[in-house]
PDB file of N, CA and C in Angstrom:
ATOM      1  N   UNK A   1       0.856  -1.163   0.000  1.00  0.00           N
ATOM      2  CA  UNK A   1       0.000   0.000   0.000  1.00  0.00           C
ATOM      3  C   UNK A   1       0.904   1.230   0.000  1.00  0.00           C
ATOM      4  N   UNK A   2       0.539   2.243  -0.788  1.00  0.00           N
ATOM      5  CA  UNK A   2       1.352   3.446  -0.899  1.00  0.00           C
ATOM      6  C   UNK A   2       0.549   4.663  -0.465  1.00  0.00           C
ATOM      7  N   UNK A   3       1.250   5.675  -0.010  1.00  0.00           N
ATOM      8  CA  UNK A   3       0.633   6.932   0.395  1.00  0.00           C
ATOM      9  C   UNK A   3       1.044   8.013  -0.588  1.00  0.00           C
ATOM     10  N   UNK A   4       0.089   8.811  -1.017  1.00  0.00           N
ATOM     11  CA  UNK A   4       0.379   9.906  -1.932  1.00  0.00           C
ATOM     12  C   UNK A   4       0.581  11.165  -1.099  1.00  0.00           C
ATOM     13  N   UNK A   5       1.714  11.821  -1.295  1.00  0.00           N
ATOM     14  CA  UNK A   5       2.039  13.024  -0.541  1.00  0.00           C
ATOM     15  C   UNK A   5       2.237  14.168  -1.517  1.00  0.00           C
ATOM     16  N   UNK A   6       1.556  15.288  -1.262  1.00  0.00           N
ATOM     17  CA  UNK A   6       1.724  16.475  -2.091  1.00  0.00           C
ATOM     18  C   UNK A   6       1.993  17.671  -1.194  1.00  0.00           C
ATOM     19  N   UNK A   7       2.539  18.702  -1.781  1.00  0.00           N
ATOM     20  CA  UNK A   7       2.773  19.937  -1.041  1.00  0.00           C
ATOM     21  C   UNK A   7       1.449  20.658  -0.825  1.00  0.00           C
ATOM     22  N   UNK A   8       1.197  21.152   0.391  1.00  0.00           N
ATOM     23  CA  UNK A   8      -0.071  21.855   0.662  1.00  0.00           C
ATOM     24  C   UNK A   8      -0.069  23.264   0.042  1.00  0.00           C
ATOM     25  N   UNK A   9      -0.582  23.366  -1.145  1.00  0.00           N
ATOM     26  CA  UNK A   9      -0.678  24.664  -1.803  1.00  0.00           C
ATOM     27  C   UNK A   9      -2.001  25.316  -1.442  1.00  0.00           C
ATOM     28  N   UNK A  10      -2.114  26.595  -1.736  1.00  0.00           N
ATOM     29  CA  UNK A  10      -3.351  27.312  -1.452  1.00  0.00           C
ATOM     30  C   UNK A  10      -4.519  26.696  -2.220  1.00  0.00           C
ATOM     31  N   UNK A  11      -4.267  26.245  -3.432  1.00  0.00           N
ATOM     32  CA  UNK A  11      -5.329  25.634  -4.243  1.00  0.00           C
ATOM     33  C   UNK A  11      -5.816  24.320  -3.618  1.00  0.00           C
ATOM     34  N   UNK A  12      -4.897  23.471  -3.190  1.00  0.00           N
ATOM     35  CA  UNK A  12      -5.307  22.182  -2.625  1.00  0.00           C
ATOM     36  C   UNK A  12      -6.014  22.358  -1.276  1.00  0.00           C
ATOM     37  N   UNK A  13      -5.564  23.317  -0.478  1.00  0.00           N
ATOM     38  CA  UNK A  13      -6.228  23.575   0.798  1.00  0.00           C
ATOM     39  C   UNK A  13      -7.619  24.158   0.568  1.00  0.00           C
ATOM     40  N   UNK A  14      -7.766  25.010  -0.444  1.00  0.00           N
ATOM     41  CA  UNK A  14      -9.075  25.580  -0.773  1.00  0.00           C
ATOM     42  C   UNK A  14     -10.044  24.502  -1.235  1.00  0.00           C
ATOM     43  N   UNK A  15      -9.571  23.595  -2.053  1.00  0.00           N
ATOM     44  CA  UNK A  15     -10.415  22.491  -2.529  1.00  0.00           C
ATOM     45  C   UNK A  15     -10.837  21.601  -1.363  1.00  0.00           C
ATOM     46  N   UNK A  16      -9.913  21.311  -0.453  1.00  0.00           N
ATOM     47  CA  UNK A  16     -10.244  20.509   0.719  1.00  0.00           C
ATOM     48  C   UNK A  16     -11.288  21.219   1.584  1.00  0.00           C
ATOM     49  N   UNK A  17     -11.145  22.520   1.774  1.00  0.00           N
ATOM     50  CA  UNK A  17     -12.125  23.289   2.543  1.00  0.00           C
ATOM     51  C   UNK A  17     -13.493  23.260   1.894  1.00  0.00           C
ATOM     52  N   UNK A  18     -13.535  23.365   0.568  1.00  0.00           N
ATOM     53  CA  UNK A  18     -14.803  23.309  -0.163  1.00  0.00           C
ATOM     54  C   UNK A  18     -15.462  21.945  -0.001  1.00  0.00           C
ATOM     55  N   UNK A  19     -14.673  20.883  -0.056  1.00  0.00           N
ATOM     56  CA  UNK A  19     -15.216  19.535   0.127  1.00  0.00           C
ATOM     57  C   UNK A  19     -15.794  19.379   1.533  1.00  0.00           C
ATOM     58  N   UNK A  20     -15.102  19.919   2.537  1.00  0.00           N
ATOM     59  CA  UNK A  20     -15.601  19.847   3.910  1.00  0.00           C
ATOM     60  C   UNK A  20     -16.923  20.588   4.038  1.00  0.00           C
ATOM     61  N   UNK A  21     -17.034  21.777   3.439  1.00  0.00           N
ATOM     62  CA  UNK A  21     -18.286  22.538   3.491  1.00  0.00           C
ATOM     63  C   UNK A  21     -19.433  21.802   2.804  1.00  0.00           C
ATOM     64  N   UNK A  22     -19.167  21.208   1.649  1.00  0.00           N
ATOM     65  CA  UNK A  22     -20.203  20.470   0.919  1.00  0.00           C
ATOM     66  C   UNK A  22     -20.659  19.260   1.734  1.00  0.00           C
ATOM     67  N   UNK A  23     -19.714  18.519   2.320  1.00  0.00           N
ATOM     68  CA  UNK A  23     -20.082  17.342   3.127  1.00  0.00           C
ATOM     69  C   UNK A  23     -20.879  17.740   4.359  1.00  0.00           C
ATOM     70  N   UNK A  24     -20.510  18.855   4.972  1.00  0.00           N
ATOM     71  CA  UNK A  24     -21.246  19.331   6.149  1.00  0.00           C
ATOM     72  C   UNK A  24     -22.670  19.702   5.774  1.00  0.00           C
ATOM     73  N   UNK A  25     -22.838  20.419   4.660  1.00  0.00           N
ATOM     74  CA  UNK A  25     -24.171  20.803   4.200  1.00  0.00           C
ATOM     75  C   UNK A  25     -25.017  19.577   3.871  1.00  0.00           C
ATOM     76  N   UNK A  26     -24.442  18.616   3.183  1.00  0.00           N
ATOM     77  CA  UNK A  26     -25.194  17.412   2.818  1.00  0.00           C
ATOM     78  C   UNK A  26     -25.573  16.599   4.052  1.00  0.00           C
ATOM     79  N   UNK A  27     -24.677  16.493   5.010  1.00  0.00           N
ATOM     80  CA  UNK A  27     -24.976  15.764   6.236  1.00  0.00           C
ATOM     81  C   UNK A  27     -26.099  16.431   7.007  1.00  0.00           C
ATOM     82  N   UNK A  28     -26.038  17.749   7.123  1.00  0.00           N
ATOM     83  CA  UNK A  28     -27.078  18.497   7.820  1.00  0.00           C
ATOM     84  C   UNK A  28     -28.420  18.364   7.097  1.00  0.00           C
ATOM     85  N   UNK A  29     -28.401  18.461   5.774  1.00  0.00           N
ATOM     86  CA  UNK A  29     -29.628  18.326   4.992  1.00  0.00           C
ATOM     87  C   UNK A  29     -30.251  16.946   5.157  1.00  0.00           C
ATOM     88  N   UNK A  30     -29.421  15.927   5.171  1.00  0.00           N
ATOM     89  CA  UNK A  30     -29.921  14.563   5.332  1.00  0.00           C
ATOM     90  C   UNK A  30     -30.538  14.368   6.717  1.00  0.00           C
ATOM     91  N   UNK A  31     -29.895  14.907   7.736  1.00  0.00           N
ATOM     92  CA  UNK A  31     -30.432  14.773   9.085  1.00  0.00           C
ATOM     93  C   UNK A  31     -31.763  15.508   9.218  1.00  0.00           C
ATOM     94  N   UNK A  32     -31.890  16.685   8.635  1.00  0.00           N
ATOM     95  CA  UNK A  32     -33.151  17.427   8.686  1.00  0.00           C
ATOM     96  C   UNK A  32     -34.232  16.660   7.926  1.00  0.00           C
ATOM     97  N   UNK A  33     -33.868  16.065   6.814  1.00  0.00           N
ATOM     98  CA  UNK A  33     -34.829  15.306   6.009  1.00  0.00           C
ATOM     99  C   UNK A  33     -35.330  14.076   6.763  1.00  0.00           C
ATOM    100  N   UNK A  34     -34.439  13.388   7.457  1.00  0.00           N
ATOM    101  CA  UNK A  34     -34.819  12.161   8.147  1.00  0.00           C
ATOM    102  C   UNK A  34     -35.549  12.419   9.465  1.00  0.00           C
ATOM    103  N   UNK A  35     -35.088  13.394  10.238  1.00  0.00           N
ATOM    104  CA  UNK A  35     -35.649  13.618  11.565  1.00  0.00           C
ATOM    105  C   UNK A  35     -36.661  14.753  11.616  1.00  0.00           C
ATOM    106  N   UNK A  36     -36.691  15.609  10.610  1.00  0.00           N
ATOM    107  CA  UNK A  36     -37.654  16.695  10.570  1.00  0.00           C
ATOM    108  C   UNK A  36     -37.300  17.878  11.450  1.00  0.00           C
ATOM    109  N   UNK A  37     -36.065  17.919  11.933  1.00  0.00           N
ATOM    110  CA  UNK A  37     -35.633  19.047  12.768  1.00  0.00           C
ATOM    111  C   UNK A  37     -34.121  19.208  12.635  1.00  0.00           C
ATOM    112  N   UNK A  38     -33.640  20.397  13.024  1.00  0.00           N
ATOM    113  CA  UNK A  38     -32.209  20.633  13.033  1.00  0.00           C
ATOM    114  C   UNK A  38     -31.602  19.968  14.266  1.00  0.00           C
ATOM    115  N   UNK A  39     -30.332  19.598  14.234  1.00  0.00           N
ATOM    116  CA  UNK A  39     -29.722  18.905  15.375  1.00  0.00           C
ATOM    117  C   UNK A  39     -29.751  19.718  16.668  1.00  0.00           C
ATOM    118  N   UNK A  40     -29.758  21.015  16.591  1.00  0.00           N
ATOM    119  CA  UNK A  40     -29.725  21.845  17.799  1.00  0.00           C
ATOM    120  C   UNK A  40     -31.116  22.163  18.332  1.00  0.00           C
ATOM    121  N   UNK A  41     -32.173  21.695  17.668  1.00  0.00           N
ATOM    122  CA  UNK A  41     -33.530  21.909  18.163  1.00  0.00           C
ATOM    123  C   UNK A  41     -33.891  20.821  19.162  1.00  0.00           C
ATOM    124  N   UNK A  42     -34.746  21.180  20.115  1.00  0.00           N
ATOM    125  CA  UNK A  42     -35.212  20.201  21.085  1.00  0.00           C
ATOM    126  C   UNK A  42     -36.137  19.194  20.399  1.00  0.00           C
ATOM    127  N   UNK A  43     -36.235  18.048  20.981  1.00  0.00           N
ATOM    128  CA  UNK A  43     -37.086  16.982  20.410  1.00  0.00           C
ATOM    129  C   UNK A  43     -38.552  17.399  20.474  1.00  0.00           C
ATOM    130  N   UNK A  44     -39.273  17.042  19.439  1.00  0.00           N
ATOM    131  CA  UNK A  44     -40.722  17.317  19.415  1.00  0.00           C
ATOM    132  C   UNK A  44     -41.456  16.291  20.267  1.00  0.00           C
ATOM    133  N   UNK A  45     -42.499  16.745  20.924  1.00  0.00           N
ATOM    134  CA  UNK A  45     -43.357  15.840  21.688  1.00  0.00           C
ATOM    135  C   UNK A  45     -44.692  15.761  20.953  1.00  0.00           C
ATOM    136  N   UNK A  46     -44.888  14.668  20.227  1.00  0.00           N
ATOM    137  CA  UNK A  46     -46.143  14.487  19.485  1.00  0.00           C
ATOM    138  C   UNK A  46     -47.176  13.840  20.378  1.00  0.00           C
ATOM    139  N   UNK A  47     -48.354  14.426  20.389  1.00  0.00           N
ATOM    140  CA  UNK A  47     -49.437  13.880  21.218  1.00  0.00           C
ATOM    141  C   UNK A  47     -50.478  13.204  20.365  1.00  0.00           C
TER     142      UNK A  47
END
């Protein structure tokens, strides 16, 4: 197994930051879709 190593340039760090933002947005969207609330909201009490 080999590891790929590159120099951390501004472009590669920017791309990594963009990927992190996209993954965070998608994760949050999926959680809202499945649970019907944001993670920081209190649980609903359905009667």
